[in-house]
Amino acid sequence: MRAITKGTWAAALSAAVVAGLAGCGGGGGGGGEVAKAAVRTSAPAVAKACVDGTFTWSGVKRTDRLTGVSAPTVSDGRVIDTPNPIERLYTPKPSVRTVGPALPPAEVLFSLGKRIGEIDTDATTLAGAAGETWSFTDVHQKAPSLKNRFSKVAGAGAIVEFAAVREWEGDFRHTCPGGPTTTGHARNWTVDLQGSLSCDESVDTRIARQAARLSCEPGSRALRKA
């Protein structure tokens, strides 16, 4: 038996494919019918939700999330430069998930913004959300940068810098008059928070305690409950 090399195998395969295509094309334009069938079986367009629907929100909650923390810098109480960068721990991202007729993510975030008071409740359309509130409706909004936060801090002991955001999320129902309902979940962030703490002093917020647990030495006063 003669061995089939890679080149002869590829040539034989090409010839078989050409023969097969020629066979499909016979019989009065069968190839055209195949092409038409491919077009007919393409995925249908996704149904869109109505433009005059009503949003109903439930389970809306606010959570302050630590986004970054620095290594401690030792200070004797004077104002000092901060050589240690804030290292990222969490990257906040807007998110909109839906089930049912499609809704523009911006419309969902616009409604959530009104629900939490980030967007003026008098704004009746997305176009009315002007100024700083516009960024809340952007599903591609970028996380706050952690660079160039503090240039100097004051305090005694081991000083730690940290950053955080205020996140909002909740479940929604979008109901159309006499039509289908879309359900889903949305999340976005609002306030860009930053601060510093001394490992040698007690702290009084959850975010500061979380930063202290990550950067301060075990037994530090900042790790003790007030």
C-alpha atoms as a PDB file:
ATOM      1  CA  MET A   1       0.000   0.000   0.000  1.00  0.00           C
ATOM      2  CA  ARG A   2       1.321   3.417  -0.941  1.00  0.00           C
ATOM      3  CA  ALA A   3       1.661   5.817   1.997  1.00  0.00           C
ATOM      4  CA  ILE A   4      -0.413   8.975   1.762  1.00  0.00           C
ATOM      5  CA  THR A   5       1.644  12.047   2.467  1.00  0.00           C
ATOM      6  CA  LYS A   6       0.234  15.236   3.960  1.00  0.00           C
ATOM      7  CA  GLY A   7       0.304  16.904   0.541  1.00  0.00           C
ATOM      8  CA  THR A   8      -1.526  14.131  -1.301  1.00  0.00           C
ATOM      9  CA  TRP A   9      -4.068  13.811   1.548  1.00  0.00           C
ATOM     10  CA  ALA A  10      -4.825  17.531   1.348  1.00  0.00           C
ATOM     11  CA  ALA A  11      -5.172  17.354  -2.448  1.00  0.00           C
ATOM     12  CA  ALA A  12      -7.520  14.379  -2.205  1.00  0.00           C
ATOM     13  CA  LEU A  13      -9.603  16.176   0.424  1.00  0.00           C
ATOM     14  CA  SER A  14      -9.836  19.289  -1.766  1.00  0.00           C
ATOM     15  CA  ALA A  15     -10.947  17.211  -4.737  1.00  0.00           C
ATOM     16  CA  ALA A  16     -13.642  15.547  -2.631  1.00  0.00           C
ATOM     17  CA  VAL A  17     -14.927  18.899  -1.397  1.00  0.00           C
ATOM     18  CA  VAL A  18     -15.049  20.273  -4.955  1.00  0.00           C
ATOM     19  CA  ALA A  19     -16.900  17.172  -6.159  1.00  0.00           C
ATOM     20  CA  GLY A  20     -19.365  17.450  -3.294  1.00  0.00           C
ATOM     21  CA  LEU A  21     -20.053  21.101  -4.058  1.00  0.00           C
ATOM     22  CA  ALA A  22     -20.513  20.288  -7.732  1.00  0.00           C
ATOM     23  CA  GLY A  23     -23.035  17.627  -6.780  1.00  0.00           C
ATOM     24  CA  CYS A  24     -24.984  20.061  -4.593  1.00  0.00           C
ATOM     25  CA  GLY A  25     -25.034  22.606  -7.369  1.00  0.00           C
ATOM     26  CA  GLY A  26     -26.637  20.233  -9.905  1.00  0.00           C
ATOM     27  CA  GLY A  27     -30.302  19.810 -10.586  1.00  0.00           C
ATOM     28  CA  GLY A  28     -31.303  23.301 -11.581  1.00  0.00           C
ATOM     29  CA  GLY A  29     -29.757  25.735  -9.110  1.00  0.00           C
ATOM     30  CA  GLY A  30     -29.717  23.698  -5.913  1.00  0.00           C
ATOM     31  CA  GLY A  31     -26.822  25.797  -4.580  1.00  0.00           C
ATOM     32  CA  GLY A  32     -29.004  28.888  -4.670  1.00  0.00           C
ATOM     33  CA  GLU A  33     -31.675  27.106  -2.638  1.00  0.00           C
ATOM     34  CA  VAL A  34     -29.077  26.175  -0.020  1.00  0.00           C
ATOM     35  CA  ALA A  35     -28.028  29.821   0.244  1.00  0.00           C
ATOM     36  CA  LYS A  36     -31.642  30.916   0.622  1.00  0.00           C
ATOM     37  CA  ALA A  37     -32.220  28.303   3.311  1.00  0.00           C
ATOM     38  CA  ALA A  38     -29.213  29.646   5.242  1.00  0.00           C
ATOM     39  CA  VAL A  39     -30.711  33.124   5.158  1.00  0.00           C
ATOM     40  CA  ARG A  40     -34.117  31.892   6.285  1.00  0.00           C
ATOM     41  CA  THR A  41     -32.678  30.047   9.305  1.00  0.00           C
ATOM     42  CA  SER A  42     -30.659  33.000  10.642  1.00  0.00           C
ATOM     43  CA  ALA A  43     -31.319  34.048  14.273  1.00  0.00           C
ATOM     44  CA  PRO A  44     -34.438  36.193  14.732  1.00  0.00           C
ATOM     45  CA  ALA A  45     -34.150  39.764  15.951  1.00  0.00           C
ATOM     46  CA  VAL A  46     -34.410  40.235  19.735  1.00  0.00           C
ATOM     47  CA  ALA A  47     -37.716  41.766  20.806  1.00  0.00           C
ATOM     48  CA  LYS A  48     -37.422  45.245  22.318  1.00  0.00           C
ATOM     49  CA  ALA A  49     -39.321  46.533  25.329  1.00  0.00           C
ATOM     50  CA  CYS A  50     -41.822  49.361  24.960  1.00  0.00           C
ATOM     51  CA  VAL A  51     -40.686  52.968  25.437  1.00  0.00           C
ATOM     52  CA  ASP A  52     -43.494  53.901  27.851  1.00  0.00           C
ATOM     53  CA  GLY A  53     -43.066  51.133  30.403  1.00  0.00           C
ATOM     54  CA  THR A  54     -42.933  51.467  34.187  1.00  0.00           C
ATOM     55  CA  PHE A  55     -39.975  50.474  36.379  1.00  0.00           C
ATOM     56  CA  THR A  56     -40.509  48.907  39.796  1.00  0.00           C
ATOM     57  CA  TRP A  57     -37.460  48.365  42.043  1.00  0.00           C
ATOM     58  CA  SER A  58     -36.958  45.984  44.962  1.00  0.00           C
ATOM     59  CA  GLY A  59     -34.083  44.982  47.214  1.00  0.00           C
ATOM     60  CA  VAL A  60     -32.152  48.168  46.467  1.00  0.00           C
ATOM     61  CA  LYS A  61     -29.101  48.410  48.734  1.00  0.00           C
ATOM     62  CA  ARG A  62     -26.029  50.575  49.216  1.00  0.00           C
ATOM     63  CA  THR A  63     -22.594  49.128  49.937  1.00  0.00           C
ATOM     64  CA  ASP A  64     -19.310  50.966  50.492  1.00  0.00           C
ATOM     65  CA  ARG A  65     -16.560  48.854  48.910  1.00  0.00           C
ATOM     66  CA  LEU A  66     -12.840  49.178  49.512  1.00  0.00           C
ATOM     67  CA  THR A  67     -11.141  49.562  46.134  1.00  0.00           C
ATOM     68  CA  GLY A  68      -7.518  49.952  47.216  1.00  0.00           C
ATOM     69  CA  VAL A  69      -5.130  50.241  50.142  1.00  0.00           C
ATOM     70  CA  SER A  70      -1.472  51.182  50.622  1.00  0.00           C
ATOM     71  CA  ALA A  71       1.318  49.701  52.671  1.00  0.00           C
ATOM     72  CA  PRO A  72       1.910  51.684  55.902  1.00  0.00           C
ATOM     73  CA  THR A  73       4.293  54.642  55.993  1.00  0.00           C
ATOM     74  CA  VAL A  74       5.914  55.410  59.355  1.00  0.00           C
ATOM     75  CA  SER A  75       5.449  58.992  60.585  1.00  0.00           C
ATOM     76  CA  ASP A  76       6.394  60.852  63.758  1.00  0.00           C
ATOM     77  CA  GLY A  77       3.327  63.064  63.551  1.00  0.00           C
ATOM     78  CA  ARG A  78       4.572  65.572  61.013  1.00  0.00           C
ATOM     79  CA  VAL A  79       3.142  66.087  57.541  1.00  0.00           C
ATOM     80  CA  ILE A  80       4.916  63.560  55.344  1.00  0.00           C
ATOM     81  CA  ASP A  81       5.023  62.521  51.713  1.00  0.00           C
ATOM     82  CA  THR A  82       3.321  59.252  50.866  1.00  0.00           C
ATOM     83  CA  PRO A  83       5.701  57.032  48.887  1.00  0.00           C
ATOM     84  CA  ASN A  84       3.572  53.871  48.963  1.00  0.00           C
ATOM     85  CA  PRO A  85       0.972  53.660  46.164  1.00  0.00           C
ATOM     86  CA  ILE A  86      -2.596  52.568  46.729  1.00  0.00           C
ATOM     87  CA  GLU A  87      -2.828  49.025  45.330  1.00  0.00           C
ATOM     88  CA  ARG A  88      -6.123  48.038  43.693  1.00  0.00           C
ATOM     89  CA  LEU A  89      -8.262  45.439  45.440  1.00  0.00           C
ATOM     90  CA  TYR A  90     -11.571  45.808  43.629  1.00  0.00           C
ATOM     91  CA  THR A  91     -12.678  47.332  40.324  1.00  0.00           C
ATOM     92  CA  PRO A  92     -16.266  48.634  40.328  1.00  0.00           C
ATOM     93  CA  LYS A  93     -18.133  48.127  37.048  1.00  0.00           C
ATOM     94  CA  PRO A  94     -21.669  49.094  36.028  1.00  0.00           C
ATOM     95  CA  SER A  95     -23.777  46.053  35.258  1.00  0.00           C
ATOM     96  CA  VAL A  96     -27.262  45.502  33.806  1.00  0.00           C
ATOM     97  CA  ARG A  97     -28.726  42.000  33.376  1.00  0.00           C
ATOM     98  CA  THR A  98     -32.172  41.487  31.858  1.00  0.00           C
ATOM     99  CA  VAL A  99     -34.609  38.680  31.090  1.00  0.00           C
ATOM    100  CA  GLY A 100     -37.310  39.380  28.520  1.00  0.00           C
ATOM    101  CA  PRO A 101     -37.692  42.102  25.891  1.00  0.00           C
ATOM    102  CA  ALA A 102     -34.460  44.085  25.509  1.00  0.00           C
ATOM    103  CA  LEU A 103     -33.976  47.343  27.421  1.00  0.00           C
ATOM    104  CA  PRO A 104     -31.158  49.856  26.823  1.00  0.00           C
ATOM    105  CA  PRO A 105     -28.779  49.626  29.833  1.00  0.00           C
ATOM    106  CA  ALA A 106     -28.741  53.437  30.050  1.00  0.00           C
ATOM    107  CA  GLU A 107     -32.525  53.478  30.589  1.00  0.00           C
ATOM    108  CA  VAL A 108     -32.229  50.945  33.401  1.00  0.00           C
ATOM    109  CA  LEU A 109     -29.431  52.893  35.122  1.00  0.00           C
ATOM    110  CA  PHE A 110     -31.382  56.123  34.613  1.00  0.00           C
ATOM    111  CA  SER A 111     -34.290  54.606  36.525  1.00  0.00           C
ATOM    112  CA  LEU A 112     -31.993  53.259  39.264  1.00  0.00           C
ATOM    113  CA  GLY A 113     -30.359  56.682  39.545  1.00  0.00           C
ATOM    114  CA  LYS A 114     -33.747  58.284  40.148  1.00  0.00           C
ATOM    115  CA  ARG A 115     -34.639  55.570  42.671  1.00  0.00           C
ATOM    116  CA  ILE A 116     -31.547  56.274  44.829  1.00  0.00           C
ATOM    117  CA  GLY A 117     -31.618  60.053  44.405  1.00  0.00           C
ATOM    118  CA  GLU A 118     -28.520  60.274  42.230  1.00  0.00           C
ATOM    119  CA  ILE A 119     -30.635  61.678  39.379  1.00  0.00           C
ATOM    120  CA  ASP A 120     -33.245  64.383  39.870  1.00  0.00           C
ATOM    121  CA  THR A 121     -36.668  62.784  40.121  1.00  0.00           C
ATOM    122  CA  ASP A 122     -38.046  65.616  37.969  1.00  0.00           C
ATOM    123  CA  ALA A 123     -36.008  64.316  35.021  1.00  0.00           C
ATOM    124  CA  THR A 124     -38.537  62.398  32.947  1.00  0.00           C
ATOM    125  CA  THR A 125     -36.216  61.262  30.157  1.00  0.00           C
ATOM    126  CA  LEU A 126     -32.643  60.108  29.822  1.00  0.00           C
ATOM    127  CA  ALA A 127     -31.829  63.324  27.971  1.00  0.00           C
ATOM    128  CA  GLY A 128     -32.829  65.244  31.105  1.00  0.00           C
ATOM    129  CA  ALA A 129     -30.096  63.621  33.185  1.00  0.00           C
ATOM    130  CA  ALA A 130     -27.498  66.324  32.691  1.00  0.00           C
ATOM    131  CA  GLY A 131     -24.199  67.178  34.371  1.00  0.00           C
ATOM    132  CA  GLU A 132     -22.480  64.794  36.743  1.00  0.00           C
ATOM    133  CA  THR A 133     -25.457  62.434  36.880  1.00  0.00           C
ATOM    134  CA  TRP A 134     -24.961  61.556  33.218  1.00  0.00           C
ATOM    135  CA  SER A 135     -22.011  59.300  34.062  1.00  0.00           C
ATOM    136  CA  PHE A 136     -24.273  57.112  36.217  1.00  0.00           C
ATOM    137  CA  THR A 137     -26.249  56.068  33.125  1.00  0.00           C
ATOM    138  CA  ASP A 138     -23.089  55.014  31.260  1.00  0.00           C
ATOM    139  CA  VAL A 139     -22.721  51.234  31.445  1.00  0.00           C
ATOM    140  CA  HIS A 140     -19.095  51.718  30.297  1.00  0.00           C
ATOM    141  CA  GLN A 141     -18.210  54.125  33.125  1.00  0.00           C
ATOM    142  CA  LYS A 142     -14.625  53.495  34.228  1.00  0.00           C
ATOM    143  CA  ALA A 143     -13.538  52.865  37.787  1.00  0.00           C
ATOM    144  CA  PRO A 144     -11.882  55.791  39.603  1.00  0.00           C
ATOM    145  CA  SER A 145      -8.119  55.953  39.205  1.00  0.00           C
ATOM    146  CA  LEU A 146      -6.058  55.159  42.287  1.00  0.00           C
ATOM    147  CA  LYS A 147      -3.070  57.199  41.151  1.00  0.00           C
ATOM    148  CA  ASN A 148      -2.140  60.642  42.475  1.00  0.00           C
ATOM    149  CA  ARG A 149      -4.473  60.408  45.461  1.00  0.00           C
ATOM    150  CA  PHE A 150      -2.645  61.962  48.393  1.00  0.00           C
ATOM    151  CA  SER A 151       0.620  63.854  48.145  1.00  0.00           C
ATOM    152  CA  LYS A 152       0.985  64.406  51.885  1.00  0.00           C
ATOM    153  CA  VAL A 153      -0.693  63.116  55.061  1.00  0.00           C
ATOM    154  CA  ALA A 154      -0.441  64.022  58.721  1.00  0.00           C
ATOM    155  CA  GLY A 155      -0.515  61.701  61.694  1.00  0.00           C
ATOM    156  CA  ALA A 156       1.596  59.686  64.080  1.00  0.00           C
ATOM    157  CA  GLY A 157       2.510  56.020  63.688  1.00  0.00           C
ATOM    158  CA  ALA A 158       2.083  53.807  60.637  1.00  0.00           C
ATOM    159  CA  ILE A 159      -0.113  55.702  58.160  1.00  0.00           C
ATOM    160  CA  VAL A 160      -2.247  53.771  55.678  1.00  0.00           C
ATOM    161  CA  GLU A 161      -4.110  55.298  52.739  1.00  0.00           C
ATOM    162  CA  PHE A 162      -7.213  53.759  51.224  1.00  0.00           C
ATOM    163  CA  ALA A 163      -9.866  54.339  48.554  1.00  0.00           C
ATOM    164  CA  ALA A 164     -13.453  53.133  48.173  1.00  0.00           C
ATOM    165  CA  VAL A 165     -16.663  53.633  46.215  1.00  0.00           C
ATOM    166  CA  ARG A 166     -20.318  53.609  47.149  1.00  0.00           C
ATOM    167  CA  GLU A 167     -22.106  50.926  45.138  1.00  0.00           C
ATOM    168  CA  TRP A 168     -25.837  50.602  44.543  1.00  0.00           C
ATOM    169  CA  GLU A 169     -27.708  47.593  43.224  1.00  0.00           C
ATOM    170  CA  GLY A 170     -31.214  46.214  43.039  1.00  0.00           C
ATOM    171  CA  ASP A 171     -33.763  44.098  41.161  1.00  0.00           C
ATOM    172  CA  PHE A 172     -36.252  45.635  38.757  1.00  0.00           C
ATOM    173  CA  ARG A 173     -39.380  44.904  36.743  1.00  0.00           C
ATOM    174  CA  HIS A 174     -40.184  46.877  33.605  1.00  0.00           C
ATOM    175  CA  THR A 175     -43.868  46.530  32.726  1.00  0.00           C
ATOM    176  CA  CYS A 176     -45.427  47.613  29.450  1.00  0.00           C
ATOM    177  CA  PRO A 177     -49.136  48.580  29.253  1.00  0.00           C
ATOM    178  CA  GLY A 178     -50.872  45.436  28.046  1.00  0.00           C
ATOM    179  CA  GLY A 179     -47.522  43.948  27.013  1.00  0.00           C
ATOM    180  CA  PRO A 180     -44.667  41.751  28.238  1.00  0.00           C
ATOM    181  CA  THR A 181     -42.515  42.379  31.307  1.00  0.00           C
ATOM    182  CA  THR A 182     -38.735  42.576  31.509  1.00  0.00           C
ATOM    183  CA  THR A 183     -37.006  41.667  34.774  1.00  0.00           C
ATOM    184  CA  GLY A 184     -33.397  42.043  35.789  1.00  0.00           C
ATOM    185  CA  HIS A 185     -30.688  43.298  38.126  1.00  0.00           C
ATOM    186  CA  ALA A 186     -28.577  46.455  37.891  1.00  0.00           C
ATOM    187  CA  ARG A 187     -25.515  47.802  39.705  1.00  0.00           C
ATOM    188  CA  ASN A 188     -23.422  50.967  39.562  1.00  0.00           C
ATOM    189  CA  TRP A 189     -21.293  53.138  41.823  1.00  0.00           C
ATOM    190  CA  THR A 190     -21.594  56.780  42.843  1.00  0.00           C
ATOM    191  CA  VAL A 191     -19.297  58.314  45.456  1.00  0.00           C
ATOM    192  CA  ASP A 192     -15.511  58.064  45.065  1.00  0.00           C
ATOM    193  CA  LEU A 193     -14.204  57.861  48.655  1.00  0.00           C
ATOM    194  CA  GLN A 194     -10.664  58.227  49.983  1.00  0.00           C
ATOM    195  CA  GLY A 195      -9.034  58.504  53.378  1.00  0.00           C
ATOM    196  CA  SER A 196      -6.093  57.687  55.622  1.00  0.00           C
ATOM    197  CA  LEU A 197      -5.709  56.087  59.037  1.00  0.00           C
ATOM    198  CA  SER A 198      -3.059  55.530  61.659  1.00  0.00           C
ATOM    199  CA  CYS A 199      -2.495  51.932  62.719  1.00  0.00           C
ATOM    200  CA  ASP A 200      -1.761  53.318  66.202  1.00  0.00           C
ATOM    201  CA  GLU A 201      -5.221  54.894  66.609  1.00  0.00           C
ATOM    202  CA  SER A 202      -8.708  53.404  66.699  1.00  0.00           C
ATOM    203  CA  VAL A 203     -10.896  53.738  63.586  1.00  0.00           C
ATOM    204  CA  ASP A 204     -14.654  54.157  63.458  1.00  0.00           C
ATOM    205  CA  THR A 205     -15.815  53.097  59.989  1.00  0.00           C
ATOM    206  CA  ARG A 206     -16.155  49.671  58.374  1.00  0.00           C
ATOM    207  CA  ILE A 207     -14.052  50.650  55.357  1.00  0.00           C
ATOM    208  CA  ALA A 208     -11.216  51.996  57.545  1.00  0.00           C
ATOM    209  CA  ARG A 209     -11.261  48.847  59.685  1.00  0.00           C
ATOM    210  CA  GLN A 210     -11.098  46.716  56.535  1.00  0.00           C
ATOM    211  CA  ALA A 211      -8.097  48.718  55.286  1.00  0.00           C
ATOM    212  CA  ALA A 212      -6.437  48.389  58.705  1.00  0.00           C
ATOM    213  CA  ARG A 213      -6.881  44.603  58.693  1.00  0.00           C
ATOM    214  CA  LEU A 214      -5.099  44.417  55.355  1.00  0.00           C
ATOM    215  CA  SER A 215      -2.169  46.743  56.104  1.00  0.00           C
ATOM    216  CA  CYS A 216      -1.601  47.173  59.843  1.00  0.00           C
ATOM    217  CA  GLU A 217       0.500  44.824  61.950  1.00  0.00           C
ATOM    218  CA  PRO A 218      -1.379  42.301  64.137  1.00  0.00           C
ATOM    219  CA  GLY A 219      -2.153  43.805  67.528  1.00  0.00           C
ATOM    220  CA  SER A 220      -2.326  47.367  66.185  1.00  0.00           C
ATOM    221  CA  ARG A 221      -4.811  49.640  67.933  1.00  0.00           C
ATOM    222  CA  ALA A 222      -6.639  50.206  64.646  1.00  0.00           C
ATOM    223  CA  LEU A 223      -7.602  46.528  64.653  1.00  0.00           C
ATOM    224  CA  ARG A 224      -9.301  46.680  68.030  1.00  0.00           C
ATOM    225  CA  LYS A 225     -12.999  47.343  68.350  1.00  0.00           C
ATOM    226  CA  ALA A 226     -13.834  50.714  69.851  1.00  0.00           C
END
